[in-house]
C-alpha atoms as a PDB file:
ATOM      1  CA  UNK A   1      94.433   1.812  67.845  1.00  0.00           C
ATOM      2  CA  UNK A   2      93.324  -1.706  68.519  1.00  0.00           C
ATOM      3  CA  UNK A   3      92.075  -1.922  72.016  1.00  0.00           C
ATOM      4  CA  UNK A   4      94.055  -4.687  74.226  1.00  0.00           C
ATOM      5  CA  UNK A   5      91.847  -7.214  76.069  1.00  0.00           C
ATOM      6  CA  UNK A   6      93.186  -8.465  79.413  1.00  0.00           C
ATOM      7  CA  UNK A   7      91.843 -11.689  80.907  1.00  0.00           C
ATOM      8  CA  UNK A   8      91.582 -10.561  84.887  1.00  0.00           C
ATOM      9  CA  UNK A   9      91.415 -13.501  87.285  1.00  0.00           C
ATOM     10  CA  UNK A  10      92.072 -14.351  90.432  1.00  0.00           C
ATOM     11  CA  UNK A  11      95.146 -15.292  92.349  1.00  0.00           C
ATOM     12  CA  UNK A  12      97.559 -17.120  92.456  1.00  0.00           C
ATOM     13  CA  UNK A  13      98.844 -15.870  89.189  1.00  0.00           C
ATOM     14  CA  UNK A  14     102.284 -17.770  89.255  1.00  0.00           C
ATOM     15  CA  UNK A  15     101.693 -21.282  88.766  1.00  0.00           C
ATOM     16  CA  UNK A  16     104.122 -24.357  88.979  1.00  0.00           C
ATOM     17  CA  UNK A  17     104.099 -27.946  88.705  1.00  0.00           C
ATOM     18  CA  UNK A  18     105.574 -28.262  92.156  1.00  0.00           C
ATOM     19  CA  UNK A  19     103.581 -29.687  95.080  1.00  0.00           C
ATOM     20  CA  UNK A  20     103.856 -29.964  98.927  1.00  0.00           C
ATOM     21  CA  UNK A  21     104.045 -33.839  98.133  1.00  0.00           C
ATOM     22  CA  UNK A  22     106.619 -33.793  95.454  1.00  0.00           C
ATOM     23  CA  UNK A  23     108.756 -31.565  97.528  1.00  0.00           C
ATOM     24  CA  UNK A  24     108.528 -33.524 100.579  1.00  0.00           C
ATOM     25  CA  UNK A  25     109.113 -36.625  98.666  1.00  0.00           C
ATOM     26  CA  UNK A  26     112.312 -35.124  97.192  1.00  0.00           C
ATOM     27  CA  UNK A  27     113.583 -34.380 100.672  1.00  0.00           C
ATOM     28  CA  UNK A  28     112.837 -37.521 101.749  1.00  0.00           C
ATOM     29  CA  UNK A  29     115.319 -38.865  99.036  1.00  0.00           C
ATOM     30  CA  UNK A  30     117.716 -36.430  99.410  1.00  0.00           C
ATOM     31  CA  UNK A  31     118.070 -37.790 103.092  1.00  0.00           C
ATOM     32  CA  UNK A  32     118.371 -41.269 102.329  1.00  0.00           C
ATOM     33  CA  UNK A  33     122.208 -41.342 101.440  1.00  0.00           C
ATOM     34  CA  UNK A  34     122.756 -39.848 105.293  1.00  0.00           C
ATOM     35  CA  UNK A  35     120.635 -42.110 106.728  1.00  0.00           C
ATOM     36  CA  UNK A  36     122.072 -45.043 105.090  1.00  0.00           C
ATOM     37  CA  UNK A  37     125.488 -44.079 105.860  1.00  0.00           C
ATOM     38  CA  UNK A  38     124.219 -43.529 109.502  1.00  0.00           C
ATOM     39  CA  UNK A  39     122.883 -47.259 109.437  1.00  0.00           C
ATOM     40  CA  UNK A  40     125.798 -48.492 108.154  1.00  0.00           C
ATOM     41  CA  UNK A  41     128.130 -46.609 110.502  1.00  0.00           C
ATOM     42  CA  UNK A  42     126.133 -47.346 113.818  1.00  0.00           C
ATOM     43  CA  UNK A  43     124.405 -50.796 113.052  1.00  0.00           C
ATOM     44  CA  UNK A  44     120.740 -52.062 113.034  1.00  0.00           C
ATOM     45  CA  UNK A  45     119.949 -49.859 116.053  1.00  0.00           C
ATOM     46  CA  UNK A  46     120.192 -46.706 114.220  1.00  0.00           C
ATOM     47  CA  UNK A  47     117.579 -48.023 111.656  1.00  0.00           C
ATOM     48  CA  UNK A  48     115.307 -48.940 114.757  1.00  0.00           C
ATOM     49  CA  UNK A  49     115.639 -45.225 116.005  1.00  0.00           C
ATOM     50  CA  UNK A  50     114.833 -43.894 112.563  1.00  0.00           C
ATOM     51  CA  UNK A  51     111.740 -45.882 112.048  1.00  0.00           C
ATOM     52  CA  UNK A  52     110.459 -45.136 115.406  1.00  0.00           C
ATOM     53  CA  UNK A  53     110.733 -41.422 114.763  1.00  0.00           C
ATOM     54  CA  UNK A  54     109.192 -41.747 111.140  1.00  0.00           C
ATOM     55  CA  UNK A  55     106.381 -44.222 112.471  1.00  0.00           C
ATOM     56  CA  UNK A  56     105.743 -42.256 115.531  1.00  0.00           C
ATOM     57  CA  UNK A  57     105.554 -38.784 113.637  1.00  0.00           C
ATOM     58  CA  UNK A  58     103.313 -39.999 111.051  1.00  0.00           C
ATOM     59  CA  UNK A  59     100.881 -42.154 113.634  1.00  0.00           C
ATOM     60  CA  UNK A  60     100.627 -38.777 115.546  1.00  0.00           C
ATOM     61  CA  UNK A  61      99.806 -36.309 112.818  1.00  0.00           C
ATOM     62  CA  UNK A  62      97.001 -39.185 111.796  1.00  0.00           C
ATOM     63  CA  UNK A  63      95.346 -39.453 115.055  1.00  0.00           C
ATOM     64  CA  UNK A  64      95.487 -35.871 115.502  1.00  0.00           C
ATOM     65  CA  UNK A  65      93.692 -35.056 112.753  1.00  0.00           C
ATOM     66  CA  UNK A  66      91.327 -38.069 113.020  1.00  0.00           C
ATOM     67  CA  UNK A  67      90.333 -37.206 116.654  1.00  0.00           C
ATOM     68  CA  UNK A  68      89.698 -33.520 115.895  1.00  0.00           C
ATOM     69  CA  UNK A  69      88.109 -34.320 112.852  1.00  0.00           C
ATOM     70  CA  UNK A  70      90.466 -32.452 110.467  1.00  0.00           C
ATOM     71  CA  UNK A  71      91.491 -33.332 106.847  1.00  0.00           C
ATOM     72  CA  UNK A  72      94.079 -36.216 106.815  1.00  0.00           C
ATOM     73  CA  UNK A  73      97.423 -34.596 106.240  1.00  0.00           C
ATOM     74  CA  UNK A  74      99.751 -37.475 106.298  1.00  0.00           C
ATOM     75  CA  UNK A  75      99.527 -38.133 102.464  1.00  0.00           C
ATOM     76  CA  UNK A  76     101.887 -34.672 101.869  1.00  0.00           C
ATOM     77  CA  UNK A  77     104.952 -36.526 103.452  1.00  0.00           C
ATOM     78  CA  UNK A  78     105.838 -33.534 105.812  1.00  0.00           C
ATOM     79  CA  UNK A  79     105.525 -35.857 108.627  1.00  0.00           C
ATOM     80  CA  UNK A  80     107.908 -38.601 107.056  1.00  0.00           C
ATOM     81  CA  UNK A  81     110.571 -35.690 106.760  1.00  0.00           C
ATOM     82  CA  UNK A  82     109.898 -34.502 110.168  1.00  0.00           C
ATOM     83  CA  UNK A  83     110.429 -38.222 111.535  1.00  0.00           C
ATOM     84  CA  UNK A  84     113.678 -38.609 109.432  1.00  0.00           C
ATOM     85  CA  UNK A  85     115.168 -35.412 110.829  1.00  0.00           C
ATOM     86  CA  UNK A  86     114.282 -36.166 114.165  1.00  0.00           C
ATOM     87  CA  UNK A  87     115.948 -39.594 113.824  1.00  0.00           C
ATOM     88  CA  UNK A  88     118.872 -38.207 111.975  1.00  0.00           C
ATOM     89  CA  UNK A  89     119.599 -35.936 115.031  1.00  0.00           C
ATOM     90  CA  UNK A  90     119.420 -38.657 117.738  1.00  0.00           C
ATOM     91  CA  UNK A  91     122.360 -40.683 118.799  1.00  0.00           C
ATOM     92  CA  UNK A  92     121.748 -44.367 117.983  1.00  0.00           C
ATOM     93  CA  UNK A  93     121.760 -45.478 121.639  1.00  0.00           C
ATOM     94  CA  UNK A  94     118.849 -43.371 122.395  1.00  0.00           C
ATOM     95  CA  UNK A  95     116.075 -44.912 124.089  1.00  0.00           C
ATOM     96  CA  UNK A  96     113.441 -45.732 121.692  1.00  0.00           C
ATOM     97  CA  UNK A  97     110.400 -44.467 124.151  1.00  0.00           C
ATOM     98  CA  UNK A  98     112.522 -40.890 124.198  1.00  0.00           C
ATOM     99  CA  UNK A  99     112.505 -41.202 120.137  1.00  0.00           C
ATOM    100  CA  UNK A 100     108.867 -41.366 120.282  1.00  0.00           C
ATOM    101  CA  UNK A 101     108.480 -38.784 122.985  1.00  0.00           C
ATOM    102  CA  UNK A 102     110.235 -36.341 120.894  1.00  0.00           C
ATOM    103  CA  UNK A 103     108.409 -37.193 117.582  1.00  0.00           C
ATOM    104  CA  UNK A 104     104.986 -36.556 119.451  1.00  0.00           C
ATOM    105  CA  UNK A 105     106.334 -33.183 120.738  1.00  0.00           C
ATOM    106  CA  UNK A 106     107.449 -31.987 117.291  1.00  0.00           C
ATOM    107  CA  UNK A 107     104.097 -33.079 115.479  1.00  0.00           C
ATOM    108  CA  UNK A 108     101.434 -32.172 118.170  1.00  0.00           C
ATOM    109  CA  UNK A 109     103.130 -29.333 119.891  1.00  0.00           C
ATOM    110  CA  UNK A 110     105.202 -27.419 117.383  1.00  0.00           C
ATOM    111  CA  UNK A 111     103.341 -28.506 114.362  1.00  0.00           C
ATOM    112  CA  UNK A 112      99.543 -29.393 114.508  1.00  0.00           C
ATOM    113  CA  UNK A 113      98.518 -26.992 117.724  1.00  0.00           C
ATOM    114  CA  UNK A 114      99.933 -23.990 115.654  1.00  0.00           C
ATOM    115  CA  UNK A 115      97.718 -24.863 112.588  1.00  0.00           C
ATOM    116  CA  UNK A 116      99.687 -27.746 110.541  1.00  0.00           C
ATOM    117  CA  UNK A 117     102.140 -27.334 107.957  1.00  0.00           C
ATOM    118  CA  UNK A 118     102.913 -23.843 107.021  1.00  0.00           C
ATOM    119  CA  UNK A 119     101.586 -22.299 110.393  1.00  0.00           C
ATOM    120  CA  UNK A 120     104.781 -23.684 112.628  1.00  0.00           C
ATOM    121  CA  UNK A 121     106.933 -20.875 113.685  1.00  0.00           C
ATOM    122  CA  UNK A 122     109.855 -22.881 114.122  1.00  0.00           C
ATOM    123  CA  UNK A 123     111.457 -26.355 112.590  1.00  0.00           C
ATOM    124  CA  UNK A 124     109.697 -28.970 114.382  1.00  0.00           C
ATOM    125  CA  UNK A 125     112.488 -31.709 114.219  1.00  0.00           C
ATOM    126  CA  UNK A 126     114.974 -29.429 115.872  1.00  0.00           C
ATOM    127  CA  UNK A 127     112.369 -28.327 118.268  1.00  0.00           C
ATOM    128  CA  UNK A 128     111.917 -31.978 119.272  1.00  0.00           C
ATOM    129  CA  UNK A 129     116.026 -32.110 119.400  1.00  0.00           C
ATOM    130  CA  UNK A 130     115.985 -29.008 121.726  1.00  0.00           C
ATOM    131  CA  UNK A 131     113.471 -30.194 124.072  1.00  0.00           C
ATOM    132  CA  UNK A 132     115.252 -33.595 124.277  1.00  0.00           C
ATOM    133  CA  UNK A 133     118.523 -32.017 124.876  1.00  0.00           C
ATOM    134  CA  UNK A 134     117.067 -30.287 127.863  1.00  0.00           C
ATOM    135  CA  UNK A 135     114.802 -33.107 129.194  1.00  0.00           C
ATOM    136  CA  UNK A 136     117.426 -35.675 128.743  1.00  0.00           C
ATOM    137  CA  UNK A 137     120.954 -34.126 128.424  1.00  0.00           C
ATOM    138  CA  UNK A 138     122.802 -37.500 129.471  1.00  0.00           C
ATOM    139  CA  UNK A 139     121.162 -39.548 126.994  1.00  0.00           C
ATOM    140  CA  UNK A 140     121.555 -36.859 123.932  1.00  0.00           C
ATOM    141  CA  UNK A 141     124.978 -36.458 124.579  1.00  0.00           C
ATOM    142  CA  UNK A 142     126.014 -40.203 125.024  1.00  0.00           C
ATOM    143  CA  UNK A 143     127.880 -41.300 121.919  1.00  0.00           C
ATOM    144  CA  UNK A 144     129.666 -44.620 121.250  1.00  0.00           C
ATOM    145  CA  UNK A 145     131.343 -45.534 117.965  1.00  0.00           C
ATOM    146  CA  UNK A 146     132.401 -49.049 117.382  1.00  0.00           C
ATOM    147  CA  UNK A 147     131.165 -50.143 120.470  1.00  0.00           C
ATOM    148  CA  UNK A 148     133.419 -47.928 122.434  1.00  0.00           C
ATOM    149  CA  UNK A 149     131.975 -44.239 124.569  1.00  0.00           C
ATOM    150  CA  UNK A 150     133.686 -41.557 122.825  1.00  0.00           C
ATOM    151  CA  UNK A 151     133.522 -37.747 122.519  1.00  0.00           C
ATOM    152  CA  UNK A 152     132.435 -36.215 119.454  1.00  0.00           C
ATOM    153  CA  UNK A 153     135.146 -34.920 116.842  1.00  0.00           C
ATOM    154  CA  UNK A 154     133.849 -31.288 117.816  1.00  0.00           C
ATOM    155  CA  UNK A 155     134.176 -31.733 121.607  1.00  0.00           C
ATOM    156  CA  UNK A 156     137.727 -33.331 121.000  1.00  0.00           C
ATOM    157  CA  UNK A 157     138.725 -30.139 118.996  1.00  0.00           C
ATOM    158  CA  UNK A 158     137.150 -27.683 121.585  1.00  0.00           C
ATOM    159  CA  UNK A 159     139.463 -29.557 124.327  1.00  0.00           C
ATOM    160  CA  UNK A 160     142.331 -28.511 122.366  1.00  0.00           C
ATOM    161  CA  UNK A 161     143.217 -31.695 120.527  1.00  0.00           C
ATOM    162  CA  UNK A 162     143.220 -32.457 117.002  1.00  0.00           C
ATOM    163  CA  UNK A 163     141.150 -34.625 114.751  1.00  0.00           C
ATOM    164  CA  UNK A 164     141.583 -36.729 111.339  1.00  0.00           C
ATOM    165  CA  UNK A 165     139.754 -34.333 108.814  1.00  0.00           C
ATOM    166  CA  UNK A 166     139.220 -36.952 106.537  1.00  0.00           C
ATOM    167  CA  UNK A 167     137.374 -39.265 108.630  1.00  0.00           C
ATOM    168  CA  UNK A 168     135.052 -36.489 109.608  1.00  0.00           C
ATOM    169  CA  UNK A 169     134.726 -35.946 105.881  1.00  0.00           C
ATOM    170  CA  UNK A 170     133.908 -39.383 105.170  1.00  0.00           C
ATOM    171  CA  UNK A 171     131.940 -40.169 108.317  1.00  0.00           C
ATOM    172  CA  UNK A 172     134.088 -42.575 110.326  1.00  0.00           C
ATOM    173  CA  UNK A 173     133.443 -40.849 113.813  1.00  0.00           C
ATOM    174  CA  UNK A 174     130.667 -40.745 116.390  1.00  0.00           C
ATOM    175  CA  UNK A 175     128.004 -38.448 116.683  1.00  0.00           C
ATOM    176  CA  UNK A 176     124.273 -38.439 115.959  1.00  0.00           C
ATOM    177  CA  UNK A 177     123.081 -40.700 113.308  1.00  0.00           C
ATOM    178  CA  UNK A 178     122.626 -38.244 110.357  1.00  0.00           C
ATOM    179  CA  UNK A 179     125.335 -36.175 110.795  1.00  0.00           C
ATOM    180  CA  UNK A 180     128.487 -37.954 110.574  1.00  0.00           C
ATOM    181  CA  UNK A 181     129.148 -38.383 106.944  1.00  0.00           C
ATOM    182  CA  UNK A 182     129.885 -34.871 104.890  1.00  0.00           C
ATOM    183  CA  UNK A 183     130.024 -36.666 101.538  1.00  0.00           C
ATOM    184  CA  UNK A 184     126.392 -38.379 102.056  1.00  0.00           C
ATOM    185  CA  UNK A 185     124.606 -34.856 103.248  1.00  0.00           C
ATOM    186  CA  UNK A 186     126.434 -33.325 100.203  1.00  0.00           C
ATOM    187  CA  UNK A 187     125.062 -35.913  97.778  1.00  0.00           C
ATOM    188  CA  UNK A 188     121.581 -35.353  99.179  1.00  0.00           C
ATOM    189  CA  UNK A 189     122.105 -31.280  99.000  1.00  0.00           C
ATOM    190  CA  UNK A 190     123.134 -31.789  95.531  1.00  0.00           C
ATOM    191  CA  UNK A 191     119.903 -33.614  94.662  1.00  0.00           C
ATOM    192  CA  UNK A 192     117.793 -30.940  96.056  1.00  0.00           C
ATOM    193  CA  UNK A 193     119.760 -28.302  94.244  1.00  0.00           C
ATOM    194  CA  UNK A 194     119.474 -30.023  90.986  1.00  0.00           C
ATOM    195  CA  UNK A 195     115.538 -30.341  91.577  1.00  0.00           C
ATOM    196  CA  UNK A 196     115.587 -26.708  92.644  1.00  0.00           C
ATOM    197  CA  UNK A 197     113.750 -27.462  95.837  1.00  0.00           C
ATOM    198  CA  UNK A 198     116.034 -25.508  97.521  1.00  0.00           C
ATOM    199  CA  UNK A 199     118.629 -22.478  96.308  1.00  0.00           C
ATOM    200  CA  UNK A 200     122.162 -22.252  97.436  1.00  0.00           C
ATOM    201  CA  UNK A 201     122.010 -18.819  98.948  1.00  0.00           C
ATOM    202  CA  UNK A 202     121.188 -19.632 103.076  1.00  0.00           C
ATOM    203  CA  UNK A 203     123.428 -22.598 103.020  1.00  0.00           C
ATOM    204  CA  UNK A 204     126.176 -20.797 101.478  1.00  0.00           C
ATOM    205  CA  UNK A 205     125.785 -17.491 103.157  1.00  0.00           C
ATOM    206  CA  UNK A 206     125.469 -19.685 106.648  1.00  0.00           C
ATOM    207  CA  UNK A 207     128.576 -21.669 106.326  1.00  0.00           C
ATOM    208  CA  UNK A 208     130.562 -18.445 104.700  1.00  0.00           C
ATOM    209  CA  UNK A 209     129.664 -16.384 107.607  1.00  0.00           C
ATOM    210  CA  UNK A 210     130.441 -19.319 109.980  1.00  0.00           C
ATOM    211  CA  UNK A 211     133.799 -19.739 108.473  1.00  0.00           C
ATOM    212  CA  UNK A 212     134.759 -16.095 108.750  1.00  0.00           C
ATOM    213  CA  UNK A 213     133.506 -15.904 112.175  1.00  0.00           C
ATOM    214  CA  UNK A 214     135.609 -18.971 113.206  1.00  0.00           C
ATOM    215  CA  UNK A 215     138.747 -17.564 111.390  1.00  0.00           C
ATOM    216  CA  UNK A 216     138.244 -14.220 113.245  1.00  0.00           C
ATOM    217  CA  UNK A 217     137.459 -15.575 117.141  1.00  0.00           C
ATOM    218  CA  UNK A 218     138.186 -19.089 116.826  1.00  0.00           C
ATOM    219  CA  UNK A 219     141.788 -18.662 118.408  1.00  0.00           C
ATOM    220  CA  UNK A 220     143.650 -20.783 115.808  1.00  0.00           C
ATOM    221  CA  UNK A 221     144.301 -17.739 113.512  1.00  0.00           C
ATOM    222  CA  UNK A 222     143.946 -18.649 109.772  1.00  0.00           C
ATOM    223  CA  UNK A 223     144.196 -22.233 110.528  1.00  0.00           C
ATOM    224  CA  UNK A 224     142.345 -23.911 107.420  1.00  0.00           C
ATOM    225  CA  UNK A 225     142.841 -27.447 109.118  1.00  0.00           C
ATOM    226  CA  UNK A 226     141.010 -26.368 112.289  1.00  0.00           C
ATOM    227  CA  UNK A 227     138.224 -24.615 109.898  1.00  0.00           C
ATOM    228  CA  UNK A 228     137.800 -27.675 107.691  1.00  0.00           C
ATOM    229  CA  UNK A 229     137.039 -29.544 111.078  1.00  0.00           C
ATOM    230  CA  UNK A 230     134.630 -27.188 112.339  1.00  0.00           C
ATOM    231  CA  UNK A 231     132.859 -27.180 109.180  1.00  0.00           C
ATOM    232  CA  UNK A 232     132.568 -30.995 108.792  1.00  0.00           C
ATOM    233  CA  UNK A 233     132.123 -31.770 112.282  1.00  0.00           C
ATOM    234  CA  UNK A 234     128.513 -31.489 114.493  1.00  0.00           C
ATOM    235  CA  UNK A 235     125.516 -30.810 112.485  1.00  0.00           C
ATOM    236  CA  UNK A 236     126.367 -27.567 110.560  1.00  0.00           C
ATOM    237  CA  UNK A 237     125.814 -29.219 106.809  1.00  0.00           C
ATOM    238  CA  UNK A 238     122.919 -30.854 107.819  1.00  0.00           C
ATOM    239  CA  UNK A 239     121.548 -28.138 109.490  1.00  0.00           C
ATOM    240  CA  UNK A 240     122.662 -25.726 106.846  1.00  0.00           C
ATOM    241  CA  UNK A 241     121.087 -27.431 103.593  1.00  0.00           C
ATOM    242  CA  UNK A 242     118.073 -29.392 105.234  1.00  0.00           C
ATOM    243  CA  UNK A 243     116.568 -27.367 108.235  1.00  0.00           C
ATOM    244  CA  UNK A 244     117.897 -23.646 107.822  1.00  0.00           C
ATOM    245  CA  UNK A 245     116.070 -23.801 104.311  1.00  0.00           C
ATOM    246  CA  UNK A 246     112.734 -24.908 105.431  1.00  0.00           C
ATOM    247  CA  UNK A 247     110.386 -23.129 103.671  1.00  0.00           C
ATOM    248  CA  UNK A 248     108.160 -22.471 106.505  1.00  0.00           C
ATOM    249  CA  UNK A 249     110.329 -21.063 108.945  1.00  0.00           C
ATOM    250  CA  UNK A 250     112.791 -19.304 106.673  1.00  0.00           C
ATOM    251  CA  UNK A 251     112.488 -15.759 104.980  1.00  0.00           C
ATOM    252  CA  UNK A 252     110.925 -15.545 101.539  1.00  0.00           C
ATOM    253  CA  UNK A 253     112.743 -12.096 100.332  1.00  0.00           C
ATOM    254  CA  UNK A 254     116.540 -12.138  99.414  1.00  0.00           C
ATOM    255  CA  UNK A 255     117.521  -9.520 101.822  1.00  0.00           C
ATOM    256  CA  UNK A 256     115.762 -11.601 104.429  1.00  0.00           C
ATOM    257  CA  UNK A 257     117.651 -14.675 103.427  1.00  0.00           C
ATOM    258  CA  UNK A 258     120.724 -13.005 103.889  1.00  0.00           C
ATOM    259  CA  UNK A 259     120.157 -11.515 107.096  1.00  0.00           C
ATOM    260  CA  UNK A 260     119.028 -14.970 108.370  1.00  0.00           C
ATOM    261  CA  UNK A 261     121.828 -17.122 106.929  1.00  0.00           C
ATOM    262  CA  UNK A 262     124.166 -14.426 108.212  1.00  0.00           C
ATOM    263  CA  UNK A 263     122.491 -14.586 111.754  1.00  0.00           C
ATOM    264  CA  UNK A 264     122.589 -18.415 111.632  1.00  0.00           C
ATOM    265  CA  UNK A 265     126.743 -18.080 110.979  1.00  0.00           C
ATOM    266  CA  UNK A 266     127.136 -15.757 113.993  1.00  0.00           C
ATOM    267  CA  UNK A 267     125.075 -17.454 116.379  1.00  0.00           C
ATOM    268  CA  UNK A 268     126.690 -21.201 115.545  1.00  0.00           C
ATOM    269  CA  UNK A 269     130.109 -19.347 115.886  1.00  0.00           C
ATOM    270  CA  UNK A 270     129.212 -17.755 119.433  1.00  0.00           C
ATOM    271  CA  UNK A 271     127.756 -21.184 120.763  1.00  0.00           C
ATOM    272  CA  UNK A 272     130.748 -23.272 119.507  1.00  0.00           C
ATOM    273  CA  UNK A 273     133.388 -20.841 120.417  1.00  0.00           C
ATOM    274  CA  UNK A 274     132.251 -19.127 123.463  1.00  0.00           C
ATOM    275  CA  UNK A 275     129.602 -21.362 124.742  1.00  0.00           C
ATOM    276  CA  UNK A 276     130.301 -24.460 127.210  1.00  0.00           C
ATOM    277  CA  UNK A 277     128.923 -27.115 124.566  1.00  0.00           C
ATOM    278  CA  UNK A 278     130.647 -27.940 121.220  1.00  0.00           C
ATOM    279  CA  UNK A 279     127.683 -27.578 119.400  1.00  0.00           C
ATOM    280  CA  UNK A 280     125.410 -24.770 118.408  1.00  0.00           C
ATOM    281  CA  UNK A 281     123.350 -25.242 115.265  1.00  0.00           C
ATOM    282  CA  UNK A 282     120.104 -26.330 116.678  1.00  0.00           C
ATOM    283  CA  UNK A 283     119.835 -23.531 118.982  1.00  0.00           C
ATOM    284  CA  UNK A 284     120.999 -20.900 116.332  1.00  0.00           C
ATOM    285  CA  UNK A 285     118.327 -22.183 113.930  1.00  0.00           C
ATOM    286  CA  UNK A 286     115.596 -22.342 116.482  1.00  0.00           C
ATOM    287  CA  UNK A 287     116.636 -18.583 117.254  1.00  0.00           C
ATOM    288  CA  UNK A 288     116.598 -17.675 113.730  1.00  0.00           C
ATOM    289  CA  UNK A 289     113.217 -19.265 113.250  1.00  0.00           C
ATOM    290  CA  UNK A 290     111.878 -17.019 116.133  1.00  0.00           C
ATOM    291  CA  UNK A 291     113.443 -14.175 114.451  1.00  0.00           C
ATOM    292  CA  UNK A 292     111.863 -14.389 111.140  1.00  0.00           C
ATOM    293  CA  UNK A 293     108.640 -12.589 111.571  1.00  0.00           C
ATOM    294  CA  UNK A 294     111.179  -9.687 112.476  1.00  0.00           C
ATOM    295  CA  UNK A 295     113.350  -9.792 109.684  1.00  0.00           C
ATOM    296  CA  UNK A 296     110.733  -9.975 107.261  1.00  0.00           C
ATOM    297  CA  UNK A 297     109.042  -6.968 108.483  1.00  0.00           C
ATOM    298  CA  UNK A 298     111.953  -4.847 107.898  1.00  0.00           C
ATOM    299  CA  UNK A 299     112.997  -6.603 104.575  1.00  0.00           C
ATOM    300  CA  UNK A 300     109.427  -7.105 102.680  1.00  0.00           C
ATOM    301  CA  UNK A 301     109.241  -4.967  99.532  1.00  0.00           C
ATOM    302  CA  UNK A 302     106.641  -2.358  99.657  1.00  0.00           C
ATOM    303  CA  UNK A 303     103.821  -2.850  97.344  1.00  0.00           C
ATOM    304  CA  UNK A 304     103.744  -0.713  94.090  1.00  0.00           C
ATOM    305  CA  UNK A 305     102.435   2.864  95.013  1.00  0.00           C
ATOM    306  CA  UNK A 306     102.580   2.388  98.770  1.00  0.00           C
ATOM    307  CA  UNK A 307     104.530   5.234 100.622  1.00  0.00           C
ATOM    308  CA  UNK A 308     106.224   4.875 104.169  1.00  0.00           C
ATOM    309  CA  UNK A 309     104.211   7.767 105.964  1.00  0.00           C
ATOM    310  CA  UNK A 310     102.127  10.716 105.518  1.00  0.00           C
ATOM    311  CA  UNK A 311     105.399  13.264 105.104  1.00  0.00           C
ATOM    312  CA  UNK A 312     106.482  11.005 102.164  1.00  0.00           C
ATOM    313  CA  UNK A 313     102.617  11.205 100.536  1.00  0.00           C
ATOM    314  CA  UNK A 314     102.440  14.727 100.689  1.00  0.00           C
ATOM    315  CA  UNK A 315     105.734  15.248  98.484  1.00  0.00           C
END
């Protein structure tokens, strides 16, 4: 019998044409429809908020790397993605200096001080949003639409009133810049799915578990109109497809992704239905990010030949 010759080489053994740069560019492209609609919906002020967040994020990363004599990493476009997501999570009336402060916090504190891209333990953009919500709650929850101050659709629904579901789906509502148009967000999400940048597992389980939780505990029975408003309102679609799927802060195993997504759905439901605020996506994902190491500890497959304990090894 002829001997089989094996070519043994060092890892990695799985190769792909994808790169961080290419993935981040794809995410930027996917975010453009929602950004464009936000500018159309809220006016030129929304553009300045988005630009301020992106420029500050990129500049913060460049200066940090330059001052500490680290490799310049702005070419991977991760800072651009962070900046876009921060801007999309801001009201268009947000003072520019506060937007810049949030971007600096995201890049320096959450991302770079923990080792840069791949080392951050939570989504930098959502961390910035939560930081600004705690620090400047009034400015972060001051929403205007067509020049008139108004509550968000979720706040209206939480108060017991009704809202036009079609307006919520199209985006003719108040809110933060990037969350209002479900159509625009789904167009971007479809692009990421087609490009295989993300898989539908986390978003679908997240939204599905949230839907079940809302029907069971929302106090409206099996009212599908109410459920549709809850899904289309707030940051659920933006969070499910663009932030919960972050490679760095989400689990890598199938079981881990299922548990993580289900946890996000439950937490979002708890915050929205039982909490004082009408929203809850940001805090749900941040808490989920912090629990990812624990989730992966119990869901990571054992290497071939490794046993759990000495008793099992003696069998």
